Protein backbone atom coordinates (compact mmCIF):
# COMPACT_ATOMS: atom_id res chain seq x y z
CA UNK A 1 0.00 0.00 0.00
CA UNK A 2 1.37 3.41 -0.96
CA UNK A 3 2.23 5.68 1.94
CA UNK A 4 0.12 8.79 2.36
CA UNK A 5 1.95 12.05 1.61
CA UNK A 6 2.97 14.22 4.52
CA UNK A 7 0.52 16.79 5.75
CA UNK A 8 2.31 20.11 5.65
CA UNK A 9 1.03 23.63 5.24
CA UNK A 10 2.83 26.92 5.63
CA UNK A 11 1.83 28.72 8.81
CA UNK A 12 0.22 25.72 10.57
CA UNK A 13 2.16 24.36 13.57
CA UNK A 14 3.29 20.75 13.60
CA UNK A 15 4.12 18.50 16.52
CA UNK A 16 6.82 16.10 15.31
CA UNK A 17 8.29 12.97 16.86
CA UNK A 18 11.24 10.93 15.55
CA UNK A 19 11.88 7.61 17.35
CA UNK A 20 14.84 5.29 17.40
CA UNK A 21 14.31 2.05 15.49
CA UNK A 22 12.45 -0.44 17.74
CA UNK A 23 12.69 2.21 20.46
CA UNK A 24 16.46 1.70 20.59
CA UNK A 25 18.67 4.34 22.16
CA UNK A 26 19.73 7.02 19.69
CA UNK A 27 21.63 9.22 22.19
CA UNK A 28 24.10 7.07 24.13
CA UNK A 29 26.03 9.93 25.69
CA UNK A 30 25.84 13.67 26.26
CA UNK A 31 28.36 14.12 23.46
CA UNK A 32 25.81 12.79 20.97
CA UNK A 33 23.03 15.02 22.30
CA UNK A 34 25.37 17.99 21.93
CA UNK A 35 26.19 16.97 18.37
CA UNK A 36 22.52 16.61 17.41
CA UNK A 37 21.48 19.83 19.15
CA UNK A 38 23.56 21.96 16.83
CA UNK A 39 21.83 20.85 13.63
CA UNK A 40 18.19 21.92 14.20
CA UNK A 41 19.29 25.54 14.29
CA UNK A 42 21.14 25.14 10.97
CA UNK A 43 18.29 23.42 9.17
CA UNK A 44 15.53 25.52 10.73
CA UNK A 45 17.23 28.55 9.22
CA UNK A 46 17.88 26.83 5.89
CA UNK A 47 14.29 25.63 5.47
CA UNK A 48 12.58 28.62 7.16
CA UNK A 49 11.16 26.83 10.19
CA UNK A 50 10.15 28.46 13.47
CA UNK A 51 10.96 26.17 16.41
CA UNK A 52 8.80 26.71 19.52
CA UNK A 53 9.60 23.73 21.75
CA UNK A 54 11.76 20.61 21.80
CA UNK A 55 12.89 17.70 23.95
CA UNK A 56 15.80 15.40 23.14
CA UNK A 57 15.10 12.12 24.92
CA UNK A 58 17.19 8.95 25.11
CA UNK A 59 15.41 7.19 22.25
CA UNK A 60 13.34 9.87 20.55
CA UNK A 61 13.09 13.54 19.65
CA UNK A 62 10.11 15.89 20.03
CA UNK A 63 9.79 19.18 18.11
CA UNK A 64 7.02 21.77 17.92
CA UNK A 65 7.50 23.90 14.82
CA UNK A 66 5.78 26.19 12.35
CA UNK A 67 7.02 26.01 8.75
CA UNK A 68 6.91 28.98 6.43
CA UNK A 69 6.63 26.70 3.38
CA UNK A 70 4.54 23.58 2.77
CA UNK A 71 7.49 21.17 2.56
CA UNK A 72 9.76 22.85 5.08
CA UNK A 73 9.30 20.38 7.94
CA UNK A 74 9.75 17.36 5.68
CA UNK A 75 13.00 18.74 4.29
CA UNK A 76 14.34 19.67 7.72
CA UNK A 77 13.56 16.26 9.24
CA UNK A 78 15.10 14.42 6.29
CA UNK A 79 18.26 16.50 6.59
CA UNK A 80 18.42 16.04 10.38
CA UNK A 81 17.87 12.30 10.11
CA UNK A 82 20.53 11.78 7.47
CA UNK A 83 23.29 13.83 9.08
CA UNK A 84 22.79 12.34 12.54
CA UNK A 85 22.72 8.74 11.27
CA UNK A 86 26.02 9.36 9.45
CA UNK A 87 27.50 10.81 12.65
CA UNK A 88 26.17 8.01 14.87
CA UNK A 89 27.28 5.22 12.53
CA UNK A 90 30.74 6.72 12.22
CA UNK A 91 31.09 7.01 16.01
CA UNK A 92 30.08 3.38 16.62
CA UNK A 93 31.50 1.87 13.43
CA UNK A 94 28.12 0.55 12.48
CA UNK A 95 25.90 0.72 9.41
CA UNK A 96 22.21 0.71 8.68
CA UNK A 97 19.23 2.56 9.99
CA UNK A 98 18.88 4.27 13.33
CA UNK A 99 15.42 5.84 13.11
CA UNK A 100 12.10 4.02 13.15
CA UNK A 101 11.03 4.75 9.59
CA UNK A 102 9.70 8.20 8.77
CA UNK A 103 9.18 10.86 11.42
CA UNK A 104 5.61 11.26 12.64
CA UNK A 105 3.90 14.67 12.49
CA UNK A 106 0.49 16.07 13.29
CA UNK A 107 -0.93 19.46 12.37
CA UNK A 108 -1.97 21.45 15.44
CA UNK A 109 -4.74 23.97 15.89
CA UNK A 110 -3.08 26.91 17.62
CA UNK A 111 -5.94 28.30 19.67
CA UNK A 112 -6.96 25.19 21.61
CA UNK A 113 -4.05 22.76 21.41
CA UNK A 114 -0.72 24.49 20.89
CA UNK A 115 0.12 25.11 24.55
CA UNK A 116 -0.93 21.54 25.30
CA UNK A 117 1.75 20.40 22.86
CA UNK A 118 4.28 22.73 24.51
CA UNK A 119 3.54 21.04 27.84
CA UNK A 120 3.45 17.52 26.40
CA UNK A 121 6.92 17.98 24.95
CA UNK A 122 8.59 19.73 27.86
CA UNK A 123 7.04 17.49 30.54
CA UNK A 124 8.23 14.37 28.72
CA UNK A 125 11.33 13.94 30.95
CA UNK A 126 9.11 14.16 34.05
CA UNK A 127 6.68 11.51 32.76
CA UNK A 128 9.67 9.30 31.90
CA UNK A 129 10.89 9.55 35.51
CA UNK A 130 14.17 11.15 34.49
CA UNK A 131 13.62 14.27 36.61
CA UNK A 132 11.02 15.48 39.11
CA UNK A 133 10.83 19.00 37.69
CA UNK A 134 11.09 19.98 34.00
CA UNK A 135 13.61 22.68 34.86
CA UNK A 136 16.07 19.97 35.91
CA UNK A 137 16.27 18.59 32.38
CA UNK A 138 18.71 20.57 30.27
CA UNK A 139 17.91 19.08 26.85
CA UNK A 140 14.47 20.59 26.43
CA UNK A 141 13.12 24.06 25.74
CA UNK A 142 11.55 24.37 29.19
CA UNK A 143 14.62 26.27 30.34
CA UNK A 144 13.75 28.89 27.71
CA UNK A 145 9.95 28.94 27.92
CA UNK A 146 9.70 28.46 31.67
CA UNK A 147 12.91 29.91 33.07
CA UNK A 148 14.04 32.53 30.58
CA UNK A 149 17.21 30.86 29.29
CA UNK A 150 18.26 32.45 26.01
CA UNK A 151 18.33 30.37 22.82
CA UNK A 152 19.10 31.29 19.24
CA UNK A 153 16.92 28.36 18.12
CA UNK A 154 13.70 29.29 19.92
CA UNK A 155 11.02 31.49 18.35
CA UNK A 156 7.99 31.81 20.67
CA UNK A 157 4.59 31.17 19.10
CA UNK A 158 1.96 33.89 19.42
CA UNK A 159 -0.08 31.66 21.77
CA UNK A 160 2.88 31.57 24.15
CA UNK A 161 3.41 35.32 23.77
CA UNK A 162 -0.25 35.86 24.69
CA UNK A 163 0.46 34.50 28.19
CA UNK A 164 1.73 37.90 29.25
CA UNK A 165 2.98 41.29 28.18
CA UNK A 166 6.49 40.85 29.55
CA UNK A 167 8.90 37.88 29.40
CA UNK A 168 8.92 37.25 33.17
CA UNK A 169 5.14 37.34 33.25
CA UNK A 170 4.92 34.82 30.42
CA UNK A 171 7.46 32.55 32.07
CA UNK A 172 5.64 32.64 35.40
CA UNK A 173 2.29 31.80 33.81
CA UNK A 174 3.85 29.06 31.73
CA UNK A 175 5.47 27.53 34.81
CA UNK A 176 2.06 27.54 36.46
CA UNK A 177 0.62 25.62 33.50
CA UNK A 178 3.43 23.07 33.69
CA UNK A 179 2.85 22.39 37.39
CA UNK A 180 -0.13 20.35 36.28
CA UNK A 181 0.43 17.29 34.10
CA UNK A 182 -1.78 16.81 31.08
CA UNK A 183 -4.65 14.48 31.88
CA UNK A 184 -4.95 11.07 30.24
CA UNK A 185 -7.57 12.07 27.62
CA UNK A 186 -5.44 15.01 26.45
CA UNK A 187 -2.33 12.81 26.21
CA UNK A 188 -4.27 10.12 24.36
CA UNK A 189 -5.55 12.68 21.87
CA UNK A 190 -2.05 14.01 21.18
CA UNK A 191 -0.51 10.54 20.92
CA UNK A 192 -3.29 9.31 18.64
CA UNK A 193 -2.87 12.25 16.28
CA UNK A 194 0.92 11.82 16.21
CA UNK A 195 0.97 8.07 15.67
CA UNK A 196 -1.61 8.17 12.89
CA UNK A 197 -0.54 11.41 11.20
CA UNK A 198 -3.89 13.08 11.95
CA UNK A 199 -4.84 16.65 12.78
CA UNK A 200 -5.06 17.83 16.39
CA UNK A 201 -7.86 20.35 16.75
CA UNK A 202 -11.59 20.92 16.86
CA UNK A 203 -14.03 19.68 14.23
CA UNK A 204 -13.90 22.92 12.26
CA UNK A 205 -10.10 22.81 12.07
CA UNK A 206 -10.12 19.16 10.99
CA UNK A 207 -12.74 19.82 8.32
CA UNK A 208 -10.62 22.65 6.92
CA UNK A 209 -7.53 20.43 6.78
CA UNK A 210 -9.46 17.58 5.14
CA UNK A 211 -10.77 19.95 2.49
CA UNK A 212 -7.31 21.38 1.87
CA UNK A 213 -5.57 18.00 1.52
CA UNK A 214 -8.50 15.93 0.21
CA UNK A 215 -7.80 13.14 2.72
CA UNK A 216 -9.02 12.02 6.11
CA UNK A 217 -7.27 13.58 9.12
CA UNK A 218 -9.60 12.13 11.75
CA UNK A 219 -9.67 8.57 13.01
CA UNK A 220 -11.98 6.33 11.03
CA UNK A 221 -14.89 4.78 12.97
CA UNK A 222 -14.16 1.36 14.39
CA UNK A 223 -15.97 -1.70 13.05
CA UNK A 224 -17.51 -2.49 9.69
CA UNK A 225 -19.43 0.10 7.68
CA UNK A 226 -23.17 0.09 8.25
CA UNK A 227 -23.82 -1.22 4.73
CA UNK A 228 -21.34 -4.08 5.10
CA UNK A 229 -22.74 -7.53 4.37
CA UNK A 230 -23.22 -9.78 7.43
């Protein structure tokens, strides 16, 4: 069966995840995280991508981005994947794949879901039991969005900027949001959209995306169609 083309539209945020093959470790040491961390800035600039949030985990990568061209995210992720695999294979004198197939994206409705995706990404190390507070994990954007650490990679989304008039006010309100973990239904909705390449938003947003791409971006109903033969 032919793979569906990537959903990508200029100006619409995307939550992206890239996993290690069979959930294998893709960052074995801090040196490798440091190596990888330098490339998103290069390719975000090259392909005109705004990066709002990220988390580099042991066996996967989360990014929240807004492309300024329809194919920008696809090109950036392909470039990131290729250059890191070459680096990793050279370091460990290995060959073959490292990533679990293609990266997985979902389009995100800004108004209702974008800050949920911020929190999902930056609270990932807490849910994984790696730290008790997101500020303790260096390899995520929480230090920027929640604590004010400067970053030449980060470009805040307008929904984040709407949290307050001044940076300290925004950071304080964002920290307050992150004190509360996302509930199970919210996490399930985000994970379902990511794993199936669907849209994350309300019905109106999903209908607009389906019309634009002429393909389903909502989960199909379970079971046989009503007109199916018994």
